């Protein structure tokens, strides 16, 4: 009987110690993430008229205040998807998609903080006039 009580006490102490260690490690990890800088995400999909996902499009991220200066660039995967990680905080961006034979598609994005914004860009063939 005495051995079972000792084992139970040791087990309880080990569980408490592991809980405290895990809490301490989680707290350190959270502090490390804040020091590295938190990020927001701009993600989305590029489609082509009449609504099919478009792989191979070049998607560029730029500041709205300086739209000709590329911050990041990606080529969409076969499902037309893209994503950019950016510093969290108030900022205005322009996301544009280009592909030969199509008009450039643009969308303005406002980031306020730590968030994810989804963008949908539609590429229209150059032969169709913008309305």
N, C-alpha and C. Protein backbone atom coordinates (compact mmCIF):
# COMPACT_ATOMS: atom_id res chain seq x y z
N UNK A 1 0.83 -1.18 0.00
CA UNK A 1 0.00 0.00 0.00
C UNK A 1 0.87 1.24 0.00
N UNK A 2 1.92 1.22 0.79
CA UNK A 2 2.79 2.37 0.90
C UNK A 2 3.48 2.66 -0.44
N UNK A 3 3.86 1.62 -1.16
CA UNK A 3 4.51 1.77 -2.46
C UNK A 3 3.57 2.43 -3.46
N UNK A 4 2.31 2.08 -3.46
CA UNK A 4 1.33 2.66 -4.36
C UNK A 4 1.15 4.14 -4.08
N UNK A 5 1.13 4.53 -2.79
CA UNK A 5 1.01 5.95 -2.44
C UNK A 5 2.24 6.71 -2.90
N UNK A 6 3.43 6.13 -2.73
CA UNK A 6 4.67 6.79 -3.17
C UNK A 6 4.68 6.96 -4.68
N UNK A 7 4.26 5.92 -5.39
CA UNK A 7 4.21 6.00 -6.86
C UNK A 7 3.22 7.07 -7.30
N UNK A 8 2.11 7.14 -6.63
CA UNK A 8 1.10 8.14 -6.97
C UNK A 8 1.63 9.55 -6.72
N UNK A 9 2.34 9.73 -5.60
CA UNK A 9 2.90 11.04 -5.29
C UNK A 9 3.97 11.42 -6.29
N UNK A 10 4.82 10.46 -6.67
CA UNK A 10 5.87 10.73 -7.66
C UNK A 10 5.23 11.06 -9.01
N UNK A 11 4.23 10.30 -9.40
CA UNK A 11 3.54 10.54 -10.67
C UNK A 11 2.89 11.93 -10.68
N UNK A 12 2.25 12.31 -9.59
CA UNK A 12 1.61 13.62 -9.49
C UNK A 12 2.67 14.73 -9.59
N UNK A 13 3.80 14.54 -8.93
CA UNK A 13 4.88 15.53 -8.99
C UNK A 13 5.44 15.65 -10.39
N UNK A 14 5.61 14.52 -11.08
CA UNK A 14 6.11 14.54 -12.46
C UNK A 14 5.12 15.23 -13.40
N UNK A 15 3.85 14.95 -13.22
CA UNK A 15 2.84 15.61 -14.05
C UNK A 15 2.82 17.12 -13.83
N UNK A 16 2.92 17.53 -12.58
CA UNK A 16 2.96 18.96 -12.26
C UNK A 16 4.20 19.60 -12.86
N UNK A 17 5.34 18.94 -12.74
CA UNK A 17 6.60 19.48 -13.28
C UNK A 17 6.53 19.59 -14.80
N UNK A 18 5.96 18.58 -15.47
CA UNK A 18 5.88 18.64 -16.93
C UNK A 18 4.90 19.73 -17.38
N UNK A 19 3.81 19.92 -16.63
CA UNK A 19 2.87 20.99 -16.94
C UNK A 19 3.55 22.35 -16.81
N UNK A 20 4.27 22.56 -15.71
CA UNK A 20 4.96 23.84 -15.50
C UNK A 20 6.02 24.07 -16.56
N UNK A 21 6.74 23.03 -16.94
CA UNK A 21 7.76 23.15 -17.98
C UNK A 21 7.13 23.50 -19.32
N UNK A 22 6.02 22.84 -19.65
CA UNK A 22 5.33 23.12 -20.92
C UNK A 22 4.80 24.55 -20.94
N UNK A 23 4.26 25.02 -19.82
CA UNK A 23 3.76 26.40 -19.74
C UNK A 23 4.90 27.40 -19.92
N UNK A 24 6.01 27.13 -19.30
CA UNK A 24 7.17 28.01 -19.40
C UNK A 24 7.70 28.04 -20.83
N UNK A 25 7.80 26.86 -21.48
CA UNK A 25 8.28 26.78 -22.85
C UNK A 25 7.33 27.51 -23.80
N UNK A 26 6.02 27.36 -23.60
CA UNK A 26 5.04 28.06 -24.43
C UNK A 26 5.14 29.56 -24.29
N UNK A 27 5.39 30.01 -23.08
CA UNK A 27 5.55 31.44 -22.83
C UNK A 27 6.79 31.98 -23.54
N UNK A 28 7.87 31.22 -23.52
CA UNK A 28 9.09 31.64 -24.22
C UNK A 28 8.87 31.67 -25.72
N UNK A 29 8.17 30.68 -26.25
CA UNK A 29 7.89 30.64 -27.69
C UNK A 29 7.05 31.83 -28.11
N UNK A 30 6.06 32.20 -27.31
CA UNK A 30 5.21 33.35 -27.64
C UNK A 30 6.02 34.63 -27.63
N UNK A 31 6.93 34.78 -26.68
CA UNK A 31 7.78 35.96 -26.64
C UNK A 31 8.70 36.00 -27.85
N UNK A 32 9.21 34.86 -28.26
CA UNK A 32 10.08 34.79 -29.43
C UNK A 32 9.36 35.20 -30.70
N UNK A 33 8.08 34.78 -30.85
CA UNK A 33 7.30 35.16 -32.02
C UNK A 33 7.07 36.65 -32.07
N UNK A 34 6.83 37.28 -30.93
CA UNK A 34 6.62 38.72 -30.92
C UNK A 34 7.90 39.45 -31.28
N UNK A 35 9.04 38.93 -30.86
CA UNK A 35 10.30 39.58 -31.16
C UNK A 35 10.61 39.49 -32.65
N UNK A 36 10.24 38.39 -33.28
CA UNK A 36 10.51 38.22 -34.71
C UNK A 36 9.57 39.07 -35.55
N UNK A 37 8.45 39.47 -35.02
CA UNK A 37 7.48 40.26 -35.75
C UNK A 37 6.32 39.40 -36.21
N UNK A 38 5.14 39.85 -35.92
CA UNK A 38 3.95 39.11 -36.32
C UNK A 38 3.62 39.44 -37.76
N UNK A 39 2.98 38.50 -38.44
CA UNK A 39 2.68 38.71 -39.84
C UNK A 39 1.19 38.58 -40.12
N UNK A 40 0.78 39.29 -41.14
CA UNK A 40 -0.55 39.16 -41.72
C UNK A 40 -0.37 38.39 -43.02
N UNK A 41 -1.48 37.95 -43.60
CA UNK A 41 -1.41 37.16 -44.83
C UNK A 41 -2.38 37.73 -45.86
N UNK A 42 -1.89 37.89 -47.07
CA UNK A 42 -2.75 38.18 -48.21
C UNK A 42 -2.68 36.93 -49.08
N UNK A 43 -3.81 36.27 -49.24
CA UNK A 43 -3.87 35.03 -50.01
C UNK A 43 -5.03 35.11 -50.98
N UNK A 44 -4.99 34.29 -52.01
CA UNK A 44 -6.10 34.31 -52.93
C UNK A 44 -5.92 33.38 -54.10
N UNK A 45 -6.78 33.59 -55.09
CA UNK A 45 -6.79 32.76 -56.28
C UNK A 45 -6.93 33.64 -57.51
N UNK A 46 -6.23 33.25 -58.57
CA UNK A 46 -6.35 33.91 -59.86
C UNK A 46 -7.22 33.03 -60.75
N UNK A 47 -8.25 33.65 -61.34
CA UNK A 47 -9.13 32.95 -62.27
C UNK A 47 -9.01 33.60 -63.64
N UNK A 48 -9.41 32.86 -64.65
CA UNK A 48 -9.50 33.43 -65.99
C UNK A 48 -10.94 33.37 -66.43
N UNK A 49 -11.32 34.33 -67.24
CA UNK A 49 -12.66 34.37 -67.76
C UNK A 49 -12.88 33.11 -68.59
N UNK A 50 -13.84 32.27 -68.38
CA UNK A 50 -15.10 32.45 -67.68
C UNK A 50 -15.15 31.86 -66.27
N UNK A 51 -14.08 31.87 -65.50
CA UNK A 51 -14.14 31.44 -64.11
C UNK A 51 -13.33 30.22 -63.76
N UNK A 52 -12.37 29.84 -64.61
CA UNK A 52 -11.51 28.70 -64.30
C UNK A 52 -10.27 29.18 -63.57
N UNK A 53 -9.79 28.40 -62.58
CA UNK A 53 -8.55 28.73 -61.87
C UNK A 53 -7.41 28.77 -62.88
N UNK A 54 -6.49 29.73 -62.69
CA UNK A 54 -5.42 29.94 -63.67
C UNK A 54 -4.04 29.76 -63.04
N UNK A 55 -3.39 28.68 -63.36
CA UNK A 55 -2.00 28.48 -62.96
C UNK A 55 -1.07 29.24 -63.89
N UNK A 56 0.14 29.50 -63.43
CA UNK A 56 1.15 30.15 -64.26
C UNK A 56 1.06 31.66 -64.35
N UNK A 57 0.12 32.27 -63.65
CA UNK A 57 0.02 33.73 -63.65
C UNK A 57 1.04 34.30 -62.67
N UNK A 58 1.61 35.44 -63.00
CA UNK A 58 2.56 36.11 -62.11
C UNK A 58 1.79 37.09 -61.24
N UNK A 59 1.90 36.90 -59.93
CA UNK A 59 1.20 37.75 -58.97
C UNK A 59 2.24 38.59 -58.24
N UNK A 60 2.02 39.91 -58.22
CA UNK A 60 2.96 40.84 -57.62
C UNK A 60 2.27 41.59 -56.48
N UNK A 61 3.00 41.76 -55.37
CA UNK A 61 2.53 42.54 -54.23
C UNK A 61 3.35 43.81 -54.17
N UNK A 62 2.67 44.96 -54.06
CA UNK A 62 3.34 46.26 -53.96
C UNK A 62 2.57 47.13 -52.97
N UNK A 63 3.25 48.14 -52.45
CA UNK A 63 2.57 49.12 -51.60
C UNK A 63 1.70 50.00 -52.49
N UNK A 64 0.54 50.39 -52.00
CA UNK A 64 -0.34 51.27 -52.76
C UNK A 64 0.34 52.60 -53.04
N UNK A 65 1.15 53.06 -52.08
CA UNK A 65 1.85 54.34 -52.24
C UNK A 65 3.00 54.26 -53.24
N UNK A 66 3.43 53.07 -53.59
CA UNK A 66 4.54 52.87 -54.54
C UNK A 66 4.27 51.63 -55.38
N UNK A 67 3.23 51.67 -56.23
CA UNK A 67 2.78 50.46 -56.93
C UNK A 67 3.76 49.86 -57.93
N UNK A 68 4.75 50.63 -58.35
CA UNK A 68 5.71 50.09 -59.32
C UNK A 68 6.86 49.34 -58.66
N UNK A 69 7.00 49.47 -57.35
CA UNK A 69 8.07 48.78 -56.62
C UNK A 69 7.54 47.47 -56.06
N UNK A 70 8.04 46.34 -56.59
CA UNK A 70 7.60 45.01 -56.15
C UNK A 70 8.14 44.70 -54.77
N UNK A 71 7.25 44.30 -53.85
CA UNK A 71 7.68 43.81 -52.55
C UNK A 71 7.91 42.30 -52.61
N UNK A 72 6.98 41.60 -53.26
CA UNK A 72 7.06 40.15 -53.41
C UNK A 72 6.44 39.77 -54.75
N UNK A 73 6.86 38.60 -55.26
CA UNK A 73 6.32 38.10 -56.52
C UNK A 73 6.23 36.58 -56.46
N UNK A 74 5.16 36.03 -57.03
CA UNK A 74 4.96 34.59 -57.08
C UNK A 74 4.30 34.22 -58.40
N UNK A 75 4.49 32.97 -58.79
CA UNK A 75 3.76 32.40 -59.92
C UNK A 75 2.74 31.44 -59.33
N UNK A 76 1.49 31.56 -59.79
CA UNK A 76 0.44 30.72 -59.22
C UNK A 76 0.64 29.26 -59.58
N UNK A 77 0.23 28.41 -58.65
CA UNK A 77 0.26 26.96 -58.87
C UNK A 77 -0.89 26.59 -59.81
N UNK A 78 -1.02 25.33 -60.12
CA UNK A 78 -2.03 24.88 -61.09
C UNK A 78 -3.46 25.25 -60.69
N UNK A 79 -3.71 25.41 -59.40
CA UNK A 79 -5.05 25.80 -58.94
C UNK A 79 -5.19 27.31 -58.80
N UNK A 80 -4.21 28.08 -59.27
CA UNK A 80 -4.31 29.53 -59.28
C UNK A 80 -4.07 30.20 -57.94
N UNK A 81 -3.59 29.47 -56.96
CA UNK A 81 -3.46 30.00 -55.60
C UNK A 81 -2.13 30.71 -55.36
N UNK A 82 -2.17 31.71 -54.47
CA UNK A 82 -0.98 32.44 -54.06
C UNK A 82 -1.17 32.91 -52.62
N UNK A 83 -0.05 33.24 -51.95
CA UNK A 83 -0.14 33.85 -50.62
C UNK A 83 1.15 34.61 -50.33
N UNK A 84 0.98 35.73 -49.64
CA UNK A 84 2.09 36.58 -49.23
C UNK A 84 2.01 36.81 -47.73
N UNK A 85 3.13 36.70 -47.04
CA UNK A 85 3.22 37.06 -45.62
C UNK A 85 3.81 38.46 -45.56
N UNK A 86 3.14 39.32 -44.79
CA UNK A 86 3.56 40.71 -44.68
C UNK A 86 3.54 41.14 -43.22
N UNK A 87 4.25 42.20 -42.86
CA UNK A 87 4.21 42.67 -41.48
C UNK A 87 2.79 43.08 -41.08
N UNK A 88 2.38 42.67 -39.89
CA UNK A 88 1.05 43.06 -39.40
C UNK A 88 1.06 44.54 -39.07
N UNK A 89 -0.02 45.22 -39.35
CA UNK A 89 -0.13 46.64 -39.04
C UNK A 89 -0.79 47.36 -40.19
N UNK A 90 -1.29 48.54 -39.93
CA UNK A 90 -2.02 49.29 -40.95
C UNK A 90 -1.15 49.59 -42.18
N UNK A 91 -1.64 49.15 -43.33
CA UNK A 91 -0.91 49.40 -44.59
C UNK A 91 -1.84 49.09 -45.75
N UNK A 92 -1.62 49.77 -46.87
CA UNK A 92 -2.40 49.55 -48.09
C UNK A 92 -1.50 48.91 -49.14
N UNK A 93 -2.00 47.86 -49.77
CA UNK A 93 -1.24 47.12 -50.78
C UNK A 93 -2.03 47.04 -52.07
N UNK A 94 -1.31 46.74 -53.15
CA UNK A 94 -1.93 46.43 -54.44
C UNK A 94 -1.41 45.05 -54.83
N UNK A 95 -2.34 44.15 -55.16
CA UNK A 95 -1.99 42.83 -55.66
C UNK A 95 -2.40 42.81 -57.12
N UNK A 96 -1.48 42.42 -58.00
CA UNK A 96 -1.81 42.36 -59.43
C UNK A 96 -1.38 41.02 -60.01
N UNK A 97 -2.14 40.57 -61.00
CA UNK A 97 -1.85 39.31 -61.68
C UNK A 97 -1.73 39.58 -63.17
N UNK A 98 -0.71 38.99 -63.78
CA UNK A 98 -0.50 39.13 -65.21
C UNK A 98 -0.26 37.76 -65.85
N UNK A 99 -0.67 37.66 -67.10
CA UNK A 99 -0.44 36.46 -67.89
C UNK A 99 -0.57 36.87 -69.35
N UNK A 100 0.34 36.39 -70.18
CA UNK A 100 0.33 36.75 -71.60
C UNK A 100 -1.03 36.42 -72.22
N UNK A 101 -1.57 37.40 -72.96
CA UNK A 101 -2.86 37.23 -73.61
C UNK A 101 -4.04 37.72 -72.77
N UNK A 102 -3.74 38.21 -71.55
CA UNK A 102 -4.80 38.68 -70.66
C UNK A 102 -4.50 40.09 -70.16
N UNK A 103 -5.56 40.82 -69.84
CA UNK A 103 -5.41 42.13 -69.21
C UNK A 103 -4.96 41.93 -67.77
N UNK A 104 -4.15 42.87 -67.26
CA UNK A 104 -3.71 42.79 -65.86
C UNK A 104 -4.90 42.97 -64.92
N UNK A 105 -4.97 42.11 -63.91
CA UNK A 105 -6.01 42.21 -62.89
C UNK A 105 -5.38 42.79 -61.63
N UNK A 106 -6.08 43.72 -60.97
CA UNK A 106 -5.57 44.37 -59.76
C UNK A 106 -6.63 44.40 -58.67
N UNK A 107 -6.14 44.34 -57.43
CA UNK A 107 -7.03 44.52 -56.29
C UNK A 107 -6.26 45.26 -55.20
N UNK A 108 -6.91 46.27 -54.61
CA UNK A 108 -6.32 46.99 -53.47
C UNK A 108 -6.73 46.28 -52.20
N UNK A 109 -5.76 46.15 -51.29
CA UNK A 109 -5.97 45.44 -50.03
C UNK A 109 -5.57 46.35 -48.87
N UNK A 110 -6.43 46.45 -47.87
CA UNK A 110 -6.13 47.21 -46.65
C UNK A 110 -5.89 46.24 -45.51
N UNK A 111 -4.71 46.30 -44.92
CA UNK A 111 -4.38 45.48 -43.76
C UNK A 111 -4.42 46.37 -42.52
N UNK A 112 -5.12 45.92 -41.49
CA UNK A 112 -5.21 46.70 -40.25
C UNK A 112 -4.36 46.14 -39.13
N UNK A 113 -4.10 44.85 -39.15
CA UNK A 113 -3.35 44.22 -38.06
C UNK A 113 -3.00 42.81 -38.41
N UNK A 114 -3.10 41.95 -37.43
CA UNK A 114 -2.78 40.54 -37.58
C UNK A 114 -4.02 39.85 -38.15
N UNK A 115 -4.06 39.67 -39.47
CA UNK A 115 -5.25 39.13 -40.11
C UNK A 115 -4.89 38.45 -41.42
N UNK A 116 -5.86 37.76 -42.01
CA UNK A 116 -5.70 37.19 -43.34
C UNK A 116 -6.78 37.77 -44.23
N UNK A 117 -6.37 38.31 -45.36
CA UNK A 117 -7.28 38.87 -46.34
C UNK A 117 -7.23 37.98 -47.58
N UNK A 118 -8.39 37.65 -48.12
CA UNK A 118 -8.46 36.83 -49.34
C UNK A 118 -8.78 37.71 -50.53
N UNK A 119 -8.03 37.50 -51.60
CA UNK A 119 -8.20 38.27 -52.82
C UNK A 119 -8.60 37.33 -53.96
N UNK A 120 -9.45 37.81 -54.84
CA UNK A 120 -9.82 37.06 -56.03
C UNK A 120 -9.53 37.95 -57.23
N UNK A 121 -8.66 37.47 -58.10
CA UNK A 121 -8.27 38.24 -59.27
C UNK A 121 -8.77 37.52 -60.52
N UNK A 122 -9.44 38.25 -61.41
CA UNK A 122 -10.00 37.68 -62.63
C UNK A 122 -9.25 38.24 -63.84
N UNK A 123 -8.60 37.34 -64.58
CA UNK A 123 -7.90 37.73 -65.81
C UNK A 123 -8.88 37.65 -66.98
N UNK A 124 -9.01 38.76 -67.70
CA UNK A 124 -9.90 38.85 -68.86
C UNK A 124 -9.03 38.86 -70.11
N UNK A 125 -9.38 38.07 -71.12
CA UNK A 125 -8.58 38.06 -72.36
C UNK A 125 -8.44 39.47 -72.94
N UNK A 126 -7.27 39.75 -73.51
CA UNK A 126 -7.01 41.08 -74.09
C UNK A 126 -8.00 41.42 -75.19
N UNK A 127 -8.53 40.42 -75.87
CA UNK A 127 -9.46 40.67 -76.96
C UNK A 127 -10.78 41.26 -76.50
N UNK A 128 -11.12 41.04 -75.22
CA UNK A 128 -12.35 41.62 -74.68
C UNK A 128 -12.05 43.01 -74.15
N UNK A 129 -12.86 43.97 -74.48
CA UNK A 129 -12.68 45.34 -74.02
C UNK A 129 -13.15 45.46 -72.58
N UNK A 130 -12.37 46.21 -71.76
CA UNK A 130 -12.80 46.49 -70.38
C UNK A 130 -14.00 47.38 -70.43
N UNK A 131 -15.00 47.10 -69.62
CA UNK A 131 -16.23 47.88 -69.63
C UNK A 131 -16.22 48.89 -68.54
